[in-house]
C-alpha atoms as a PDB file:
ATOM      1  CA  MET A   1      32.277  22.902  10.720  1.00  0.00           C
ATOM      2  CA  LYS A   2      28.681  24.018  11.434  1.00  0.00           C
ATOM      3  CA  LYS A   3      28.515  25.995   8.177  1.00  0.00           C
ATOM      4  CA  PHE A   4      29.859  23.046   6.183  1.00  0.00           C
ATOM      5  CA  ILE A   5      27.242  20.700   7.656  1.00  0.00           C
ATOM      6  CA  ILE A   6      24.269  22.954   6.923  1.00  0.00           C
ATOM      7  CA  ILE A   7      25.548  23.640   3.392  1.00  0.00           C
ATOM      8  CA  ILE A   8      25.853  19.890   2.788  1.00  0.00           C
ATOM      9  CA  PHE A   9      22.282  19.388   3.974  1.00  0.00           C
ATOM     10  CA  ILE A  10      20.805  22.128   1.763  1.00  0.00           C
ATOM     11  CA  VAL A  11      22.694  20.941  -1.323  1.00  0.00           C
ATOM     12  CA  LEU A  12      21.573  17.343  -0.785  1.00  0.00           C
ATOM     13  CA  CYS A  13      17.930  18.306  -0.458  1.00  0.00           C
ATOM     14  CA  SER A  14      18.090  20.167  -3.777  1.00  0.00           C
ATOM     15  CA  CYS A  15      19.619  17.219  -5.645  1.00  0.00           C
ATOM     16  CA  SER A  16      17.888  14.311  -7.333  1.00  0.00           C
ATOM     17  CA  GLU A  17      17.752  10.842  -5.805  1.00  0.00           C
ATOM     18  CA  LYS A  18      20.143   9.549  -8.443  1.00  0.00           C
ATOM     19  CA  ASP A  19      22.785  12.055  -7.351  1.00  0.00           C
ATOM     20  CA  ASN A  20      22.383  11.127  -3.697  1.00  0.00           C
ATOM     21  CA  ASN A  21      23.750   7.604  -3.717  1.00  0.00           C
ATOM     22  CA  LEU A  22      25.293   6.427  -0.474  1.00  0.00           C
ATOM     23  CA  LEU A  23      28.153   4.110  -1.420  1.00  0.00           C
ATOM     24  CA  ILE A  24      29.896   2.065   1.246  1.00  0.00           C
ATOM     25  CA  SER A  25      33.191   0.315   0.691  1.00  0.00           C
ATOM     26  CA  GLY A  26      33.774  -1.986   3.641  1.00  0.00           C
ATOM     27  CA  GLU A  27      36.476  -4.194   5.100  1.00  0.00           C
ATOM     28  CA  VAL A  28      35.969  -6.457   8.117  1.00  0.00           C
ATOM     29  CA  LYS A  29      39.076  -8.190   9.396  1.00  0.00           C
ATOM     30  CA  ASP A  30      38.868 -12.009   9.618  1.00  0.00           C
ATOM     31  CA  LEU A  31      35.391 -12.096   8.060  1.00  0.00           C
ATOM     32  CA  LYS A  32      34.694 -14.289   5.024  1.00  0.00           C
ATOM     33  CA  ASN A  33      31.601 -15.660   3.273  1.00  0.00           C
ATOM     34  CA  THR A  34      29.248 -13.879   5.658  1.00  0.00           C
ATOM     35  CA  SER A  35      26.244 -11.756   4.749  1.00  0.00           C
ATOM     36  CA  ILE A  36      26.255  -8.038   5.517  1.00  0.00           C
ATOM     37  CA  TYR A  37      23.054  -5.990   5.635  1.00  0.00           C
ATOM     38  CA  LEU A  38      22.337  -2.263   5.276  1.00  0.00           C
ATOM     39  CA  ILE A  39      19.246  -1.097   7.190  1.00  0.00           C
ATOM     40  CA  ASP A  40      17.707   2.371   6.998  1.00  0.00           C
ATOM     41  CA  THR A  41      16.334   4.647   9.712  1.00  0.00           C
ATOM     42  CA  ASN A  42      12.900   2.951   9.456  1.00  0.00           C
ATOM     43  CA  ASP A  43      14.448  -0.494  10.057  1.00  0.00           C
ATOM     44  CA  LYS A  44      13.926  -1.383   6.407  1.00  0.00           C
ATOM     45  CA  LEU A  45      16.476  -3.556   4.598  1.00  0.00           C
ATOM     46  CA  VAL A  46      17.866  -1.526   1.693  1.00  0.00           C
ATOM     47  CA  ASP A  47      20.821  -3.636   0.567  1.00  0.00           C
ATOM     48  CA  SER A  48      22.791  -6.776   1.383  1.00  0.00           C
ATOM     49  CA  THR A  49      25.811  -8.634   0.103  1.00  0.00           C
ATOM     50  CA  VAL A  50      28.265 -11.365   1.014  1.00  0.00           C
ATOM     51  CA  VAL A  51      31.701 -10.502   2.337  1.00  0.00           C
ATOM     52  CA  THR A  52      34.446 -11.879   0.099  1.00  0.00           C
ATOM     53  CA  ASN A  53      38.028 -11.903   1.372  1.00  0.00           C
ATOM     54  CA  GLU A  54      37.089  -9.453   4.140  1.00  0.00           C
ATOM     55  CA  LYS A  55      35.678  -6.878   1.679  1.00  0.00           C
ATOM     56  CA  PHE A  56      32.170  -5.809   0.659  1.00  0.00           C
ATOM     57  CA  TYR A  57      30.206  -3.027  -1.039  1.00  0.00           C
ATOM     58  CA  LEU A  58      26.784  -1.620  -0.128  1.00  0.00           C
ATOM     59  CA  ARG A  59      24.695   1.187  -1.567  1.00  0.00           C
ATOM     60  CA  ALA A  60      21.486   3.086  -0.884  1.00  0.00           C
ATOM     61  CA  HIS A  61      19.604   6.186  -1.972  1.00  0.00           C
ATOM     62  CA  ALA A  62      18.949   9.042   0.435  1.00  0.00           C
ATOM     63  CA  ASN A  63      17.849  12.597  -0.259  1.00  0.00           C
ATOM     64  CA  GLU A  64      19.227  13.869   3.044  1.00  0.00           C
ATOM     65  CA  PRO A  65      21.424  12.757   5.971  1.00  0.00           C
ATOM     66  CA  LEU A  66      19.885   9.714   7.651  1.00  0.00           C
ATOM     67  CA  GLU A  67      20.827   7.022  10.142  1.00  0.00           C
ATOM     68  CA  PHE A  68      21.788   3.657   8.687  1.00  0.00           C
ATOM     69  CA  THR A  69      22.874   0.416  10.315  1.00  0.00           C
ATOM     70  CA  ILE A  70      25.324  -2.182   9.025  1.00  0.00           C
ATOM     71  CA  ALA A  71      24.480  -5.619  10.456  1.00  0.00           C
ATOM     72  CA  MET A  72      26.701  -8.693  10.254  1.00  0.00           C
ATOM     73  CA  GLY A  73      25.296 -12.202   9.817  1.00  0.00           C
ATOM     74  CA  SER A  74      21.584 -11.347   9.806  1.00  0.00           C
ATOM     75  CA  LYS A  75      19.314  -8.296   9.679  1.00  0.00           C
ATOM     76  CA  ASN A  76      18.457  -8.698  13.359  1.00  0.00           C
ATOM     77  CA  SER A  77      21.966  -9.547  14.509  1.00  0.00           C
ATOM     78  CA  GLU A  78      23.383  -7.950  17.651  1.00  0.00           C
ATOM     79  CA  ASN A  79      26.592  -7.414  15.652  1.00  0.00           C
ATOM     80  CA  ARG A  80      25.603  -4.065  14.190  1.00  0.00           C
ATOM     81  CA  TYR A  81      27.046  -0.615  13.694  1.00  0.00           C
ATOM     82  CA  SER A  82      24.878   2.498  13.360  1.00  0.00           C
ATOM     83  CA  PHE A  83      25.903   5.777  11.764  1.00  0.00           C
ATOM     84  CA  ILE A  84      24.340   8.947  10.403  1.00  0.00           C
ATOM     85  CA  SER A  85      25.759  10.338   7.195  1.00  0.00           C
ATOM     86  CA  GLU A  86      25.147  12.517   4.194  1.00  0.00           C
ATOM     87  CA  PRO A  87      24.985  10.505   0.942  1.00  0.00           C
ATOM     88  CA  THR A  88      28.594  10.151  -0.148  1.00  0.00           C
ATOM     89  CA  GLN A  89      31.291   7.524  -0.680  1.00  0.00           C
ATOM     90  CA  LEU A  90      32.054   6.054   2.729  1.00  0.00           C
ATOM     91  CA  ILE A  91      34.739   3.702   3.961  1.00  0.00           C
ATOM     92  CA  PHE A  92      33.730   1.318   6.760  1.00  0.00           C
ATOM     93  CA  THR A  93      36.260  -0.778   8.657  1.00  0.00           C
ATOM     94  CA  SER A  94      35.850  -3.182  11.555  1.00  0.00           C
ATOM     95  CA  SER A  95      36.700  -6.708  12.698  1.00  0.00           C
ATOM     96  CA  LYS A  96      34.747  -9.942  13.036  1.00  0.00           C
ATOM     97  CA  ASP A  97      35.258  -9.817  16.787  1.00  0.00           C
ATOM     98  CA  LYS A  98      33.964  -6.625  18.418  1.00  0.00           C
ATOM     99  CA  PHE A  99      32.178  -5.600  15.217  1.00  0.00           C
ATOM    100  CA  GLU A 100      30.473  -2.559  16.754  1.00  0.00           C
ATOM    101  CA  TYR A 101      33.316  -1.514  19.049  1.00  0.00           C
ATOM    102  CA  ASN A 102      35.938  -1.561  16.288  1.00  0.00           C
ATOM    103  CA  GLY A 103      33.642  -0.048  13.663  1.00  0.00           C
ATOM    104  CA  LYS A 104      34.809   3.141  11.962  1.00  0.00           C
ATOM    105  CA  ILE A 105      33.353   5.363   9.234  1.00  0.00           C
ATOM    106  CA  LYS A 106      35.528   7.638   7.116  1.00  0.00           C
ATOM    107  CA  ASN A 107      34.703  10.416   4.615  1.00  0.00           C
ATOM    108  CA  SER A 108      31.613  11.814   6.378  1.00  0.00           C
ATOM    109  CA  LEU A 109      31.619  15.215   8.104  1.00  0.00           C
ATOM    110  CA  ILE A 110      28.258  14.556   9.719  1.00  0.00           C
ATOM    111  CA  HIS A 111      29.265  11.159  11.082  1.00  0.00           C
ATOM    112  CA  THR A 112      32.438  12.643  12.572  1.00  0.00           C
ATOM    113  CA  GLU A 113      30.274  15.000  14.625  1.00  0.00           C
ATOM    114  CA  PHE A 114      27.794  12.230  15.417  1.00  0.00           C
ATOM    115  CA  GLU A 115      30.589   9.975  16.671  1.00  0.00           C
ATOM    116  CA  LYS A 116      31.760  12.599  19.178  1.00  0.00           C
ATOM    117  CA  ILE A 117      28.289  12.820  20.692  1.00  0.00           C
ATOM    118  CA  LYS A 118      27.762   9.057  20.513  1.00  0.00           C
ATOM    119  CA  ASN A 119      30.937   8.479  22.533  1.00  0.00           C
ATOM    120  CA  GLN A 120      29.781  10.860  25.254  1.00  0.00           C
ATOM    121  CA  LEU A 121      26.331   9.269  25.415  1.00  0.00           C
ATOM    122  CA  THR A 122      27.960   5.837  25.623  1.00  0.00           C
ATOM    123  CA  SER A 123      29.878   6.980  28.699  1.00  0.00           C
ATOM    124  CA  PHE A 124      26.547   7.769  30.400  1.00  0.00           C
ATOM    125  CA  ASP A 125      25.212   4.334  29.449  1.00  0.00           C
ATOM    126  CA  GLU A 126      28.309   2.558  30.732  1.00  0.00           C
ATOM    127  CA  LYS A 127      28.016   4.295  34.121  1.00  0.00           C
ATOM    128  CA  ASP A 128      24.340   3.342  34.293  1.00  0.00           C
ATOM    129  CA  LEU A 129      25.130  -0.280  33.450  1.00  0.00           C
ATOM    130  CA  GLU A 130      27.750  -0.427  36.190  1.00  0.00           C
ATOM    131  CA  MET A 131      25.274   0.902  38.754  1.00  0.00           C
ATOM    132  CA  LEU A 132      22.659  -1.576  37.536  1.00  0.00           C
ATOM    133  CA  LYS A 133      25.099  -4.411  38.214  1.00  0.00           C
ATOM    134  CA  GLN A 134      25.634  -3.021  41.706  1.00  0.00           C
ATOM    135  CA  GLN A 135      21.870  -2.884  42.207  1.00  0.00           C
ATOM    136  CA  ILE A 136      21.565  -6.536  41.279  1.00  0.00           C
ATOM    137  CA  GLU A 137      24.263  -7.377  43.831  1.00  0.00           C
ATOM    138  CA  ALA A 138      22.427  -5.288  46.428  1.00  0.00           C
ATOM    139  CA  THR A 139      19.256  -7.230  45.702  1.00  0.00           C
ATOM    140  CA  VAL A 140      21.059 -10.565  46.113  1.00  0.00           C
ATOM    141  CA  ASN A 141      22.551  -9.330  49.402  1.00  0.00           C
ATOM    142  CA  LYS A 142      19.167  -7.916  50.492  1.00  0.00           C
ATOM    143  CA  ASN A 143      20.697  -4.475  50.976  1.00  0.00           C
ATOM    144  CA  GLN A 144      17.711  -2.206  50.415  1.00  0.00           C
ATOM    145  CA  VAL A 145      19.520   0.966  51.518  1.00  0.00           C
ATOM    146  CA  LYS A 146      22.245   0.532  48.905  1.00  0.00           C
ATOM    147  CA  TYR A 147      19.673  -0.429  46.281  1.00  0.00           C
ATOM    148  CA  ASP A 148      17.655   2.739  46.887  1.00  0.00           C
ATOM    149  CA  SER A 149      20.798   4.880  46.878  1.00  0.00           C
ATOM    150  CA  LEU A 150      21.868   3.456  43.518  1.00  0.00           C
ATOM    151  CA  ASP A 151      18.354   3.936  42.183  1.00  0.00           C
ATOM    152  CA  ASP A 152      18.563   7.626  43.063  1.00  0.00           C
ATOM    153  CA  GLN A 153      22.016   7.909  41.443  1.00  0.00           C
ATOM    154  CA  ARG A 154      20.770   6.283  38.244  1.00  0.00           C
ATOM    155  CA  LEU A 155      17.853   8.696  38.067  1.00  0.00           C
ATOM    156  CA  LYS A 156      20.185  11.673  38.438  1.00  0.00           C
ATOM    157  CA  LEU A 157      22.507  10.232  35.792  1.00  0.00           C
ATOM    158  CA  SER A 158      19.584   9.823  33.395  1.00  0.00           C
ATOM    159  CA  GLN A 159      18.550  13.427  33.996  1.00  0.00           C
ATOM    160  CA  LYS A 160      22.130  14.558  33.412  1.00  0.00           C
ATOM    161  CA  LYS A 161      22.245  12.662  30.124  1.00  0.00           C
ATOM    162  CA  THR A 162      18.982  14.241  28.981  1.00  0.00           C
ATOM    163  CA  LEU A 163      20.228  17.706  29.932  1.00  0.00           C
ATOM    164  CA  PHE A 164      23.404  17.077  27.950  1.00  0.00           C
ATOM    165  CA  ILE A 165      21.323  16.198  24.871  1.00  0.00           C
ATOM    166  CA  VAL A 166      19.085  19.257  25.282  1.00  0.00           C
ATOM    167  CA  ASN A 167      22.049  21.626  25.673  1.00  0.00           C
ATOM    168  CA  TYR A 168      23.781  20.146  22.643  1.00  0.00           C
ATOM    169  CA  CYS A 169      20.661  20.530  20.497  1.00  0.00           C
ATOM    170  CA  LEU A 170      20.078  24.122  21.579  1.00  0.00           C
ATOM    171  CA  ASN A 171      23.700  25.071  20.937  1.00  0.00           C
ATOM    172  CA  ASN A 172      23.940  23.379  17.515  1.00  0.00           C
ATOM    173  CA  LYS A 173      20.879  24.593  15.612  1.00  0.00           C
ATOM    174  CA  THR A 174      22.509  24.235  12.165  1.00  0.00           C
ATOM    175  CA  ASN A 175      23.507  20.615  12.728  1.00  0.00           C
ATOM    176  CA  ILE A 176      21.263  17.764  11.549  1.00  0.00           C
ATOM    177  CA  VAL A 177      22.617  15.704  14.464  1.00  0.00           C
ATOM    178  CA  SER A 178      20.619  17.968  16.823  1.00  0.00           C
ATOM    179  CA  ALA A 179      17.328  17.109  15.133  1.00  0.00           C
ATOM    180  CA  TYR A 180      18.313  13.427  15.093  1.00  0.00           C
ATOM    181  CA  LEU A 181      19.119  13.357  18.823  1.00  0.00           C
ATOM    182  CA  ALA A 182      16.028  15.287  19.881  1.00  0.00           C
ATOM    183  CA  SER A 183      13.896  12.935  17.772  1.00  0.00           C
ATOM    184  CA  LYS A 184      15.574   9.764  19.006  1.00  0.00           C
ATOM    185  CA  TYR A 185      15.384  10.724  22.694  1.00  0.00           C
ATOM    186  CA  ASN A 186      12.038  12.531  22.465  1.00  0.00           C
ATOM    187  CA  GLU A 187      10.475  10.377  25.203  1.00  0.00           C
ATOM    188  CA  LYS A 188      13.121  11.594  27.648  1.00  0.00           C
ATOM    189  CA  ILE A 189      12.729  15.285  26.761  1.00  0.00           C
ATOM    190  CA  SER A 190       9.811  17.387  27.972  1.00  0.00           C
ATOM    191  CA  ASN A 191       7.439  18.845  25.378  1.00  0.00           C
ATOM    192  CA  SER A 192       8.470  22.385  26.286  1.00  0.00           C
ATOM    193  CA  TYR A 193      12.133  21.628  25.573  1.00  0.00           C
ATOM    194  CA  LYS A 194      11.307  19.707  22.386  1.00  0.00           C
ATOM    195  CA  GLU A 195       9.366  22.695  21.107  1.00  0.00           C
ATOM    196  CA  LYS A 196      12.189  25.044  22.117  1.00  0.00           C
ATOM    197  CA  ILE A 197      14.746  22.877  20.298  1.00  0.00           C
ATOM    198  CA  TYR A 198      12.574  22.678  17.190  1.00  0.00           C
ATOM    199  CA  ARG A 199      11.898  26.432  17.034  1.00  0.00           C
ATOM    200  CA  ASN A 200      15.633  27.066  17.420  1.00  0.00           C
ATOM    201  CA  LEU A 201      16.627  24.818  14.497  1.00  0.00           C
ATOM    202  CA  HIS A 202      17.752  26.222  11.163  1.00  0.00           C
ATOM    203  CA  PRO A 203      14.772  26.282   8.698  1.00  0.00           C
ATOM    204  CA  GLY A 204      16.415  23.646   6.502  1.00  0.00           C
ATOM    205  CA  ILE A 205      16.909  21.316   9.477  1.00  0.00           C
ATOM    206  CA  LYS A 206      13.275  21.810  10.544  1.00  0.00           C
ATOM    207  CA  GLU A 207      12.167  20.443   7.162  1.00  0.00           C
ATOM    208  CA  SER A 208      14.411  17.385   7.381  1.00  0.00           C
ATOM    209  CA  PHE A 209      13.185  13.887   8.196  1.00  0.00           C
ATOM    210  CA  TYR A 210      14.338  14.193  11.809  1.00  0.00           C
ATOM    211  CA  GLY A 211      13.054  17.762  12.117  1.00  0.00           C
ATOM    212  CA  THR A 212       9.621  16.556  11.013  1.00  0.00           C
ATOM    213  CA  GLU A 213       9.803  13.603  13.407  1.00  0.00           C
ATOM    214  CA  LEU A 214      10.690  15.960  16.271  1.00  0.00           C
ATOM    215  CA  LYS A 215       7.796  18.317  15.485  1.00  0.00           C
ATOM    216  CA  SER A 216       5.315  15.441  15.501  1.00  0.00           C
ATOM    217  CA  SER A 217       6.448  14.391  18.987  1.00  0.00           C
ATOM    218  CA  PHE A 218       5.094  17.427  20.844  1.00  0.00           C
END
């Protein structure tokens, strides 16, 4: 899988923009006559359309794997699904209700890897959210001891999440997802680890958009 991903990246970077079209064929259950937006990694709107009979088509140009977001209803809608993919022909499926939760991307090797990591990071976030709720209850009940204990647990959980990201990046130097994660979470990662991750990346990944973003952060 690692070899396939790095080969995909190198081939894409050597191709012309015209050959790198990202085509998305989408279907959203129970959704009709609603606008759908495609937003790039810089939060720029690159395409939009109206869903007809639950189906839609979007397209964009990308010279390398990048993160995109599909938003339902408006560009700034909370109903949004993010993915990172090599330019290819993708299939996106979801439902009007639970648009993000039920969202799925098919036909992308890079997104398949990204989704595995995303699910694990989500589990950290869900645990943190649960402890935050408990902290709010502790505040209402004026239980400072419990509040402080939960605060300490949340800090340790955050550190554990960051360590997970760092270890993944160091152990997957040929994967563009590593550069993406290190760039996205750069404020959580120390400069020494960011530099170590960057120096460990495959040369082609270093020259990518996310590799360049990572380098500029330390």
